[in-house]
C-alpha atoms as a PDB file:
ATOM      1  CA  MET A   1     -19.156 -39.157  -2.021  1.00  0.00           C
ATOM      2  CA  ALA A   2     -15.391 -39.818  -3.748  1.00  0.00           C
ATOM      3  CA  GLU A   3     -12.657 -38.036  -2.051  1.00  0.00           C
ATOM      4  CA  ALA A   4     -10.073 -35.376  -3.858  1.00  0.00           C
ATOM      5  CA  PRO A   5      -7.383 -36.973  -5.345  1.00  0.00           C
ATOM      6  CA  TYR A   6      -5.114 -35.005  -3.607  1.00  0.00           C
ATOM      7  CA  LYS A   7      -4.659 -33.507  -0.053  1.00  0.00           C
ATOM      8  CA  ARG A   8      -5.833 -29.604   0.398  1.00  0.00           C
ATOM      9  CA  THR A   9      -3.454 -28.017   2.506  1.00  0.00           C
ATOM     10  CA  TYR A  10      -3.101 -24.466   3.723  1.00  0.00           C
ATOM     11  CA  LYS A  11       0.991 -23.982   4.048  1.00  0.00           C
ATOM     12  CA  HIS A  12       1.183 -20.988   5.914  1.00  0.00           C
ATOM     13  CA  ALA A  13      -0.283 -20.886   9.214  1.00  0.00           C
ATOM     14  CA  LYS A  14      -1.680 -24.360  11.549  1.00  0.00           C
ATOM     15  CA  GLY A  15      -4.960 -23.847  10.098  1.00  0.00           C
ATOM     16  CA  ARG A  16      -7.436 -21.561   7.956  1.00  0.00           C
ATOM     17  CA  GLY A  17      -7.947 -18.359   9.992  1.00  0.00           C
ATOM     18  CA  SER A  18      -5.443 -18.951  12.518  1.00  0.00           C
ATOM     19  CA  GLU A  19      -2.510 -17.072  11.027  1.00  0.00           C
ATOM     20  CA  GLN A  20      -0.868 -14.098  13.334  1.00  0.00           C
ATOM     21  CA  THR A  21      -2.049 -10.778  12.286  1.00  0.00           C
ATOM     22  CA  VAL A  22       0.780  -7.508  12.604  1.00  0.00           C
ATOM     23  CA  VAL A  23      -0.375  -3.717  12.274  1.00  0.00           C
ATOM     24  CA  CYS A  24       1.484  -2.267   9.421  1.00  0.00           C
ATOM     25  CA  SER A  25       3.912   0.504  10.988  1.00  0.00           C
ATOM     26  CA  LEU A  26       2.690   2.839   8.098  1.00  0.00           C
ATOM     27  CA  CYS A  27      -0.470   2.708   7.515  1.00  0.00           C
ATOM     28  CA  GLY A  28      -1.924   1.187  10.556  1.00  0.00           C
ATOM     29  CA  LYS A  29      -3.756  -1.686   8.538  1.00  0.00           C
ATOM     30  CA  LYS A  30      -4.113  -5.112  10.307  1.00  0.00           C
ATOM     31  CA  VAL A  31      -2.484  -7.421   7.375  1.00  0.00           C
ATOM     32  CA  PRO A  32      -1.214 -11.384   7.916  1.00  0.00           C
ATOM     33  CA  LYS A  33       2.076 -11.542   9.196  1.00  0.00           C
ATOM     34  CA  TYR A  34       3.285 -14.289   6.062  1.00  0.00           C
ATOM     35  CA  LYS A  35       2.238 -11.067   3.582  1.00  0.00           C
ATOM     36  CA  THR A  36       4.163  -8.470   5.354  1.00  0.00           C
ATOM     37  CA  PHE A  37       7.802  -6.938   4.340  1.00  0.00           C
ATOM     38  CA  THR A  38      10.307  -7.032   7.635  1.00  0.00           C
ATOM     39  CA  LYS A  39      12.421  -3.766   7.814  1.00  0.00           C
ATOM     40  CA  LYS A  40      14.846  -2.883  10.675  1.00  0.00           C
ATOM     41  CA  LYS A  41      14.733   0.279  11.807  1.00  0.00           C
ATOM     42  CA  GLY A  42      17.101   2.638  13.857  1.00  0.00           C
ATOM     43  CA  PHE A  43      20.394   4.076  14.236  1.00  0.00           C
ATOM     44  CA  PHE A  44      23.568   2.129  12.994  1.00  0.00           C
ATOM     45  CA  ILE A  45      26.934   3.231  12.935  1.00  0.00           C
ATOM     46  CA  THR A  46      28.776   3.051   9.642  1.00  0.00           C
ATOM     47  CA  ASP A  47      32.008   4.717  10.411  1.00  0.00           C
ATOM     48  CA  PRO A  48      34.490   2.122  11.124  1.00  0.00           C
ATOM     49  CA  SER A  49      36.921   4.564  13.172  1.00  0.00           C
ATOM     50  CA  VAL A  50      34.061   4.983  15.498  1.00  0.00           C
ATOM     51  CA  LYS A  51      32.900   1.403  15.932  1.00  0.00           C
ATOM     52  CA  ARG A  52      36.256   0.394  16.943  1.00  0.00           C
ATOM     53  CA  GLU A  53      36.193   3.522  19.491  1.00  0.00           C
ATOM     54  CA  VAL A  54      32.850   2.337  21.304  1.00  0.00           C
ATOM     55  CA  SER A  55      32.210  -1.439  22.048  1.00  0.00           C
ATOM     56  CA  ASP A  56      28.868  -2.722  21.634  1.00  0.00           C
ATOM     57  CA  SER A  57      28.409  -3.630  25.059  1.00  0.00           C
ATOM     58  CA  ASN A  58      28.459   0.001  26.404  1.00  0.00           C
ATOM     59  CA  LEU A  59      26.334   1.392  23.750  1.00  0.00           C
ATOM     60  CA  LEU A  60      22.512   0.778  23.589  1.00  0.00           C
ATOM     61  CA  LEU A  61      21.286   1.392  19.869  1.00  0.00           C
ATOM     62  CA  PRO A  62      17.366   1.074  19.819  1.00  0.00           C
ATOM     63  CA  ARG A  63      16.612  -0.903  16.786  1.00  0.00           C
ATOM     64  CA  LYS A  64      13.115  -2.081  15.780  1.00  0.00           C
ATOM     65  CA  LYS A  65      11.390  -4.610  13.621  1.00  0.00           C
ATOM     66  CA  ILE A  66       8.563  -2.949  11.123  1.00  0.00           C
ATOM     67  CA  TYR A  67       5.987  -4.544   9.083  1.00  0.00           C
ATOM     68  CA  ILE A  68       4.833  -3.346   6.147  1.00  0.00           C
ATOM     69  CA  CYS A  69       2.042  -4.131   4.529  1.00  0.00           C
ATOM     70  CA  PRO A  70       1.977  -4.717   0.508  1.00  0.00           C
ATOM     71  CA  GLN A  71       0.518  -2.002  -0.663  1.00  0.00           C
ATOM     72  CA  CYS A  72       2.639   0.646   1.418  1.00  0.00           C
ATOM     73  CA  ALA A  73       5.629  -1.476   0.392  1.00  0.00           C
ATOM     74  CA  ARG A  74       4.640  -0.971  -3.320  1.00  0.00           C
ATOM     75  CA  HIS A  75       4.372   2.759  -2.426  1.00  0.00           C
ATOM     76  CA  LYS A  76       7.618   3.242  -0.987  1.00  0.00           C
ATOM     77  CA  LYS A  77       9.307   0.995  -3.511  1.00  0.00           C
ATOM     78  CA  ILE A  78      10.574  -1.468  -0.845  1.00  0.00           C
ATOM     79  CA  SER A  79       9.025  -4.081  -3.249  1.00  0.00           C
ATOM     80  CA  GLN A  80       8.618  -4.207  -7.062  1.00  0.00           C
ATOM     81  CA  PRO A  81       5.847  -6.312  -8.766  1.00  0.00           C
ATOM     82  CA  GLY A  82       6.724  -8.672 -11.111  1.00  0.00           C
ATOM     83  CA  ARG A  83      10.228  -9.483  -9.621  1.00  0.00           C
ATOM     84  CA  SER A  84      11.345 -12.862  -7.958  1.00  0.00           C
ATOM     85  CA  ARG A  85      13.197 -13.250  -4.945  1.00  0.00           C
ATOM     86  CA  LYS A  86      16.285 -14.956  -7.481  1.00  0.00           C
ATOM     87  CA  SER A  87      16.387 -11.829  -9.466  1.00  0.00           C
ATOM     88  CA  ARG A  88      16.833  -9.683  -6.553  1.00  0.00           C
ATOM     89  CA  ALA A  89      19.384 -11.416  -5.052  1.00  0.00           C
ATOM     90  CA  LYS A  90      21.343 -11.027  -8.163  1.00  0.00           C
ATOM     91  CA  LYS A  91      21.682  -7.567  -8.053  1.00  0.00           C
END
């Protein structure tokens, strides 16, 4: 039996079926981690005068990284189909 002229690789994880799955924060569906969109959710201080008064060491701001599946990302308009990363970065 002849070998293929190229090497078959699976680039997402170490091997097929072993990639890490995460739960979508919006719908609860299990999705491979490489397919998800990440967003940071939490409380952010945007007012510069308040930021100067309060030091970061005294303030505990809860921040959480959430994972969103492609279906929810399209529904919530986080991602738009057919747009590459380069075209999104130009905005």
